[in-house]
């Protein structure tokens, strides 16, 4: 099982909040599927950067298990 890191950032994004989910060890295709599910569930935009998913807004509480 993967240990995921959940982080909240504002730096480098013109003051806009971003939730970063990092620590994935999945393939690029699986990561894209996760990102798509997160974006649909939280009705927000986002992107994949390396092995992490960045979601627009603060979703830390909603993402915790």
PDB file of N, CA and C in Angstrom:
ATOM      1  N   UNK A   1       0.840  -1.176   0.000  1.00  0.00           N
ATOM      2  CA  UNK A   1       0.000   0.000   0.000  1.00  0.00           C
ATOM      3  C   UNK A   1       0.886   1.241   0.000  1.00  0.00           C
ATOM      4  N   UNK A   2       0.480   2.231  -0.762  1.00  0.00           N
ATOM      5  CA  UNK A   2       1.235   3.462  -0.882  1.00  0.00           C
ATOM      6  C   UNK A   2       0.992   4.379   0.313  1.00  0.00           C
ATOM      7  N   UNK A   3       2.030   5.071   0.713  1.00  0.00           N
ATOM      8  CA  UNK A   3       1.882   6.116   1.718  1.00  0.00           C
ATOM      9  C   UNK A   3       1.871   7.438   0.975  1.00  0.00           C
ATOM     10  N   UNK A   4       0.738   8.103   0.993  1.00  0.00           N
ATOM     11  CA  UNK A   4       0.594   9.350   0.261  1.00  0.00           C
ATOM     12  C   UNK A   4       0.826  10.546   1.166  1.00  0.00           C
ATOM     13  N   UNK A   5       1.390  11.581   0.601  1.00  0.00           N
ATOM     14  CA  UNK A   5       1.659  12.820   1.325  1.00  0.00           C
ATOM     15  C   UNK A   5       0.661  13.866   0.851  1.00  0.00           C
ATOM     16  N   UNK A   6      -0.039  14.483   1.789  1.00  0.00           N
ATOM     17  CA  UNK A   6      -1.029  15.494   1.489  1.00  0.00           C
ATOM     18  C   UNK A   6      -0.487  16.840   1.946  1.00  0.00           C
ATOM     19  N   UNK A   7      -0.403  17.812   1.034  1.00  0.00           N
ATOM     20  CA  UNK A   7       0.236  19.079   1.338  1.00  0.00           C
ATOM     21  C   UNK A   7      -0.602  20.226   0.770  1.00  0.00           C
ATOM     22  N   UNK A   8      -0.624  21.346   1.462  1.00  0.00           N
ATOM     23  CA  UNK A   8      -1.352  22.535   1.032  1.00  0.00           C
ATOM     24  C   UNK A   8      -0.338  23.618   0.717  1.00  0.00           C
ATOM     25  N   UNK A   9      -0.431  24.229  -0.468  1.00  0.00           N
ATOM     26  CA  UNK A   9       0.550  25.232  -0.873  1.00  0.00           C
ATOM     27  C   UNK A   9      -0.117  26.472  -1.438  1.00  0.00           C
ATOM     28  N   UNK A  10       0.600  27.581  -1.336  1.00  0.00           N
ATOM     29  CA  UNK A  10       0.180  28.834  -1.973  1.00  0.00           C
ATOM     30  C   UNK A  10       1.336  29.455  -2.757  1.00  0.00           C
ATOM     31  N   UNK A  11       2.554  29.090  -2.426  1.00  0.00           N
ATOM     32  CA  UNK A  11       3.723  29.703  -3.044  1.00  0.00           C
ATOM     33  C   UNK A  11       3.805  29.373  -4.534  1.00  0.00           C
ATOM     34  N   UNK A  12       4.198  30.355  -5.334  1.00  0.00           N
ATOM     35  CA  UNK A  12       4.414  30.136  -6.751  1.00  0.00           C
ATOM     36  C   UNK A  12       3.149  30.010  -7.562  1.00  0.00           C
ATOM     37  N   UNK A  13       2.018  30.294  -6.955  1.00  0.00           N
ATOM     38  CA  UNK A  13       0.743  30.156  -7.654  1.00  0.00           C
ATOM     39  C   UNK A  13      -0.087  31.426  -7.530  1.00  0.00           C
ATOM     40  N   UNK A  14       0.589  32.534  -7.433  1.00  0.00           N
ATOM     41  CA  UNK A  14      -0.049  33.857  -7.322  1.00  0.00           C
ATOM     42  C   UNK A  14      -1.022  33.937  -6.160  1.00  0.00           C
ATOM     43  N   UNK A  15      -0.701  33.253  -5.060  1.00  0.00           N
ATOM     44  CA  UNK A  15      -1.521  33.314  -3.853  1.00  0.00           C
ATOM     45  C   UNK A  15      -2.737  32.406  -3.861  1.00  0.00           C
ATOM     46  N   UNK A  16      -2.923  31.653  -4.925  1.00  0.00           N
ATOM     47  CA  UNK A  16      -4.089  30.768  -5.000  1.00  0.00           C
ATOM     48  C   UNK A  16      -3.786  29.440  -4.294  1.00  0.00           C
ATOM     49  N   UNK A  17      -4.746  28.928  -3.540  1.00  0.00           N
ATOM     50  CA  UNK A  17      -4.511  27.679  -2.806  1.00  0.00           C
ATOM     51  C   UNK A  17      -4.513  26.452  -3.717  1.00  0.00           C
ATOM     52  N   UNK A  18      -3.607  25.525  -3.413  1.00  0.00           N
ATOM     53  CA  UNK A  18      -3.495  24.280  -4.163  1.00  0.00           C
ATOM     54  C   UNK A  18      -3.258  23.145  -3.174  1.00  0.00           C
ATOM     55  N   UNK A  19      -3.954  22.036  -3.350  1.00  0.00           N
ATOM     56  CA  UNK A  19      -3.730  20.838  -2.550  1.00  0.00           C
ATOM     57  C   UNK A  19      -2.890  19.878  -3.379  1.00  0.00           C
ATOM     58  N   UNK A  20      -1.768  19.421  -2.823  1.00  0.00           N
ATOM     59  CA  UNK A  20      -0.866  18.522  -3.531  1.00  0.00           C
ATOM     60  C   UNK A  20      -0.930  17.150  -2.874  1.00  0.00           C
ATOM     61  N   UNK A  21      -1.199  16.131  -3.686  1.00  0.00           N
ATOM     62  CA  UNK A  21      -1.187  14.751  -3.223  1.00  0.00           C
ATOM     63  C   UNK A  21       0.021  14.098  -3.881  1.00  0.00           C
ATOM     64  N   UNK A  22       1.019  13.721  -3.080  1.00  0.00           N
ATOM     65  CA  UNK A  22       2.271  13.176  -3.608  1.00  0.00           C
ATOM     66  C   UNK A  22       2.537  11.796  -3.020  1.00  0.00           C
ATOM     67  N   UNK A  23       3.522  11.118  -3.583  1.00  0.00           N
ATOM     68  CA  UNK A  23       3.934   9.821  -3.066  1.00  0.00           C
ATOM     69  C   UNK A  23       3.387   8.651  -3.859  1.00  0.00           C
ATOM     70  N   UNK A  24       2.840   8.910  -5.035  1.00  0.00           N
ATOM     71  CA  UNK A  24       2.306   7.828  -5.859  1.00  0.00           C
ATOM     72  C   UNK A  24       3.447   7.026  -6.475  1.00  0.00           C
ATOM     73  N   UNK A  25       3.252   5.724  -6.561  1.00  0.00           N
ATOM     74  CA  UNK A  25       4.214   4.849  -7.233  1.00  0.00           C
ATOM     75  C   UNK A  25       3.518   4.117  -8.369  1.00  0.00           C
ATOM     76  N   UNK A  26       2.475   4.696  -8.882  1.00  0.00           N
ATOM     77  CA  UNK A  26       1.676   4.081  -9.941  1.00  0.00           C
ATOM     78  C   UNK A  26       2.184   4.506 -11.314  1.00  0.00           C
ATOM     79  N   UNK A  27       1.653   3.852 -12.346  1.00  0.00           N
ATOM     80  CA  UNK A  27       2.001   4.224 -13.716  1.00  0.00           C
ATOM     81  C   UNK A  27       1.341   5.551 -14.068  1.00  0.00           C
ATOM     82  N   UNK A  28       1.803   6.154 -15.149  1.00  0.00           N
ATOM     83  CA  UNK A  28       1.264   7.445 -15.586  1.00  0.00           C
ATOM     84  C   UNK A  28      -0.227   7.329 -15.890  1.00  0.00           C
ATOM     85  N   UNK A  29      -0.629   6.236 -16.484  1.00  0.00           N
ATOM     86  CA  UNK A  29      -2.048   6.046 -16.833  1.00  0.00           C
ATOM     87  C   UNK A  29      -2.917   5.965 -15.572  1.00  0.00           C
ATOM     88  N   UNK A  30      -2.475   5.201 -14.578  1.00  0.00           N
ATOM     89  CA  UNK A  30      -3.226   5.097 -13.324  1.00  0.00           C
ATOM     90  C   UNK A  30      -3.286   6.444 -12.605  1.00  0.00           C
ATOM     91  N   UNK A  31      -2.198   7.188 -12.658  1.00  0.00           N
ATOM     92  CA  UNK A  31      -2.157   8.506 -12.037  1.00  0.00           C
ATOM     93  C   UNK A  31      -3.165   9.445 -12.711  1.00  0.00           C
ATOM     94  N   UNK A  32      -3.266   9.371 -14.025  1.00  0.00           N
ATOM     95  CA  UNK A  32      -4.248  10.173 -14.759  1.00  0.00           C
ATOM     96  C   UNK A  32      -5.673   9.809 -14.353  1.00  0.00           C
ATOM     97  N   UNK A  33      -5.934   8.515 -14.144  1.00  0.00           N
ATOM     98  CA  UNK A  33      -7.261   8.070 -13.715  1.00  0.00           C
ATOM     99  C   UNK A  33      -7.589   8.596 -12.315  1.00  0.00           C
ATOM    100  N   UNK A  34      -6.618   8.538 -11.399  1.00  0.00           N
ATOM    101  CA  UNK A  34      -6.816   9.089 -10.050  1.00  0.00           C
ATOM    102  C   UNK A  34      -7.121  10.580 -10.127  1.00  0.00           C
ATOM    103  N   UNK A  35      -6.319  11.307 -10.894  1.00  0.00           N
ATOM    104  CA  UNK A  35      -6.516  12.757 -11.019  1.00  0.00           C
ATOM    105  C   UNK A  35      -7.899  13.064 -11.571  1.00  0.00           C
ATOM    106  N   UNK A  36      -8.322  12.320 -12.558  1.00  0.00           N
ATOM    107  CA  UNK A  36      -9.644  12.533 -13.151  1.00  0.00           C
ATOM    108  C   UNK A  36     -10.748  12.297 -12.127  1.00  0.00           C
ATOM    109  N   UNK A  37     -10.619  11.238 -11.338  1.00  0.00           N
ATOM    110  CA  UNK A  37     -11.627  10.955 -10.295  1.00  0.00           C
ATOM    111  C   UNK A  37     -11.651  12.054  -9.240  1.00  0.00           C
ATOM    112  N   UNK A  38     -10.471  12.484  -8.794  1.00  0.00           N
ATOM    113  CA  UNK A  38     -10.402  13.565  -7.801  1.00  0.00           C
ATOM    114  C   UNK A  38     -11.081  14.822  -8.333  1.00  0.00           C
ATOM    115  N   UNK A  39     -10.764  15.201  -9.564  1.00  0.00           N
ATOM    116  CA  UNK A  39     -11.313  16.430 -10.139  1.00  0.00           C
ATOM    117  C   UNK A  39     -12.830  16.357 -10.276  1.00  0.00           C
ATOM    118  N   UNK A  40     -13.343  15.212 -10.681  1.00  0.00           N
ATOM    119  CA  UNK A  40     -14.799  15.059 -10.805  1.00  0.00           C
ATOM    120  C   UNK A  40     -15.474  15.062  -9.435  1.00  0.00           C
ATOM    121  N   UNK A  41     -14.900  14.355  -8.479  1.00  0.00           N
ATOM    122  CA  UNK A  41     -15.472  14.263  -7.138  1.00  0.00           C
ATOM    123  C   UNK A  41     -15.523  15.617  -6.442  1.00  0.00           C
ATOM    124  N   UNK A  42     -14.438  16.393  -6.575  1.00  0.00           N
ATOM    125  CA  UNK A  42     -14.350  17.671  -5.881  1.00  0.00           C
ATOM    126  C   UNK A  42     -14.774  18.852  -6.750  1.00  0.00           C
ATOM    127  N   UNK A  43     -15.195  18.583  -7.985  1.00  0.00           N
ATOM    128  CA  UNK A  43     -15.639  19.628  -8.923  1.00  0.00           C
ATOM    129  C   UNK A  43     -14.623  20.760  -9.007  1.00  0.00           C
ATOM    130  N   UNK A  44     -13.388  20.388  -9.317  1.00  0.00           N
ATOM    131  CA  UNK A  44     -12.305  21.371  -9.379  1.00  0.00           C
ATOM    132  C   UNK A  44     -11.350  21.017 -10.504  1.00  0.00           C
ATOM    133  N   UNK A  45     -10.461  21.932 -10.810  1.00  0.00           N
ATOM    134  CA  UNK A  45      -9.426  21.677 -11.796  1.00  0.00           C
ATOM    135  C   UNK A  45      -8.196  21.106 -11.124  1.00  0.00           C
ATOM    136  N   UNK A  46      -7.289  20.639 -11.924  1.00  0.00           N
ATOM    137  CA  UNK A  46      -6.057  20.101 -11.374  1.00  0.00           C
ATOM    138  C   UNK A  46      -5.142  19.625 -12.480  1.00  0.00           C
ATOM    139  N   UNK A  47      -3.959  19.179 -12.078  1.00  0.00           N
ATOM    140  CA  UNK A  47      -2.969  18.716 -13.030  1.00  0.00           C
ATOM    141  C   UNK A  47      -2.069  17.672 -12.382  1.00  0.00           C
ATOM    142  N   UNK A  48      -1.297  17.001 -13.205  1.00  0.00           N
ATOM    143  CA  UNK A  48      -0.311  16.037 -12.729  1.00  0.00           C
ATOM    144  C   UNK A  48       1.061  16.654 -12.957  1.00  0.00           C
ATOM    145  N   UNK A  49       1.878  16.655 -11.920  1.00  0.00           N
ATOM    146  CA  UNK A  49       3.255  17.146 -12.018  1.00  0.00           C
ATOM    147  C   UNK A  49       4.161  16.059 -11.469  1.00  0.00           C
ATOM    148  N   UNK A  50       4.887  15.408 -12.357  1.00  0.00           N
ATOM    149  CA  UNK A  50       5.756  14.314 -11.938  1.00  0.00           C
ATOM    150  C   UNK A  50       4.919  13.165 -11.397  1.00  0.00           C
ATOM    151  N   UNK A  51       5.153  12.795 -10.161  1.00  0.00           N
ATOM    152  CA  UNK A  51       4.398  11.717  -9.507  1.00  0.00           C
ATOM    153  C   UNK A  51       3.432  12.269  -8.470  1.00  0.00           C
ATOM    154  N   UNK A  52       2.933  13.490  -8.677  1.00  0.00           N
ATOM    155  CA  UNK A  52       1.974  14.072  -7.742  1.00  0.00           C
ATOM    156  C   UNK A  52       0.806  14.689  -8.506  1.00  0.00           C
ATOM    157  N   UNK A  53      -0.305  14.861  -7.801  1.00  0.00           N
ATOM    158  CA  UNK A  53      -1.498  15.475  -8.357  1.00  0.00           C
ATOM    159  C   UNK A  53      -1.722  16.791  -7.632  1.00  0.00           C
ATOM    160  N   UNK A  54      -1.920  17.862  -8.386  1.00  0.00           N
ATOM    161  CA  UNK A  54      -2.214  19.175  -7.810  1.00  0.00           C
ATOM    162  C   UNK A  54      -3.674  19.504  -8.106  1.00  0.00           C
ATOM    163  N   UNK A  55      -4.435  19.773  -7.045  1.00  0.00           N
ATOM    164  CA  UNK A  55      -5.845  20.130  -7.170  1.00  0.00           C
ATOM    165  C   UNK A  55      -6.034  21.586  -6.781  1.00  0.00           C
ATOM    166  N   UNK A  56      -6.806  22.322  -7.546  1.00  0.00           N
ATOM    167  CA  UNK A  56      -7.068  23.718  -7.230  1.00  0.00           C
ATOM    168  C   UNK A  56      -7.956  23.803  -6.001  1.00  0.00           C
ATOM    169  N   UNK A  57      -7.542  24.606  -5.027  1.00  0.00           N
ATOM    170  CA  UNK A  57      -8.317  24.786  -3.801  1.00  0.00           C
ATOM    171  C   UNK A  57      -7.784  23.956  -2.648  1.00  0.00           C
ATOM    172  N   UNK A  58      -8.413  24.120  -1.497  1.00  0.00           N
ATOM    173  CA  UNK A  58      -8.011  23.415  -0.280  1.00  0.00           C
ATOM    174  C   UNK A  58      -8.937  22.217  -0.070  1.00  0.00           C
ATOM    175  N   UNK A  59      -8.428  21.013  -0.328  1.00  0.00           N
ATOM    176  CA  UNK A  59      -9.219  19.791  -0.202  1.00  0.00           C
ATOM    177  C   UNK A  59      -8.622  18.829   0.814  1.00  0.00           C
ATOM    178  N   UNK A  60      -7.797  19.343   1.737  1.00  0.00           N
ATOM    179  CA  UNK A  60      -7.114  18.473   2.704  1.00  0.00           C
ATOM    180  C   UNK A  60      -8.074  17.668   3.545  1.00  0.00           C
ATOM    181  N   UNK A  61      -9.115  18.290   4.054  1.00  0.00           N
ATOM    182  CA  UNK A  61     -10.056  17.585   4.946  1.00  0.00           C
ATOM    183  C   UNK A  61     -10.837  16.528   4.160  1.00  0.00           C
ATOM    184  N   UNK A  62     -11.247  16.847   2.955  1.00  0.00           N
ATOM    185  CA  UNK A  62     -12.036  15.909   2.149  1.00  0.00           C
ATOM    186  C   UNK A  62     -11.196  14.715   1.667  1.00  0.00           C
ATOM    187  N   UNK A  63      -9.887  14.872   1.570  1.00  0.00           N
ATOM    188  CA  UNK A  63      -9.019  13.795   1.077  1.00  0.00           C
ATOM    189  C   UNK A  63      -8.525  12.860   2.182  1.00  0.00           C
ATOM    190  N   UNK A  64      -8.637  13.265   3.420  1.00  0.00           N
ATOM    191  CA  UNK A  64      -8.143  12.408   4.508  1.00  0.00           C
ATOM    192  C   UNK A  64      -9.002  11.163   4.629  1.00  0.00           C
ATOM    193  N   UNK A  65      -8.346  10.031   4.940  1.00  0.00           N
ATOM    194  CA  UNK A  65      -9.088   8.759   5.076  1.00  0.00           C
ATOM    195  C   UNK A  65      -9.979   8.727   6.301  1.00  0.00           C
TER     196      UNK A  65
END
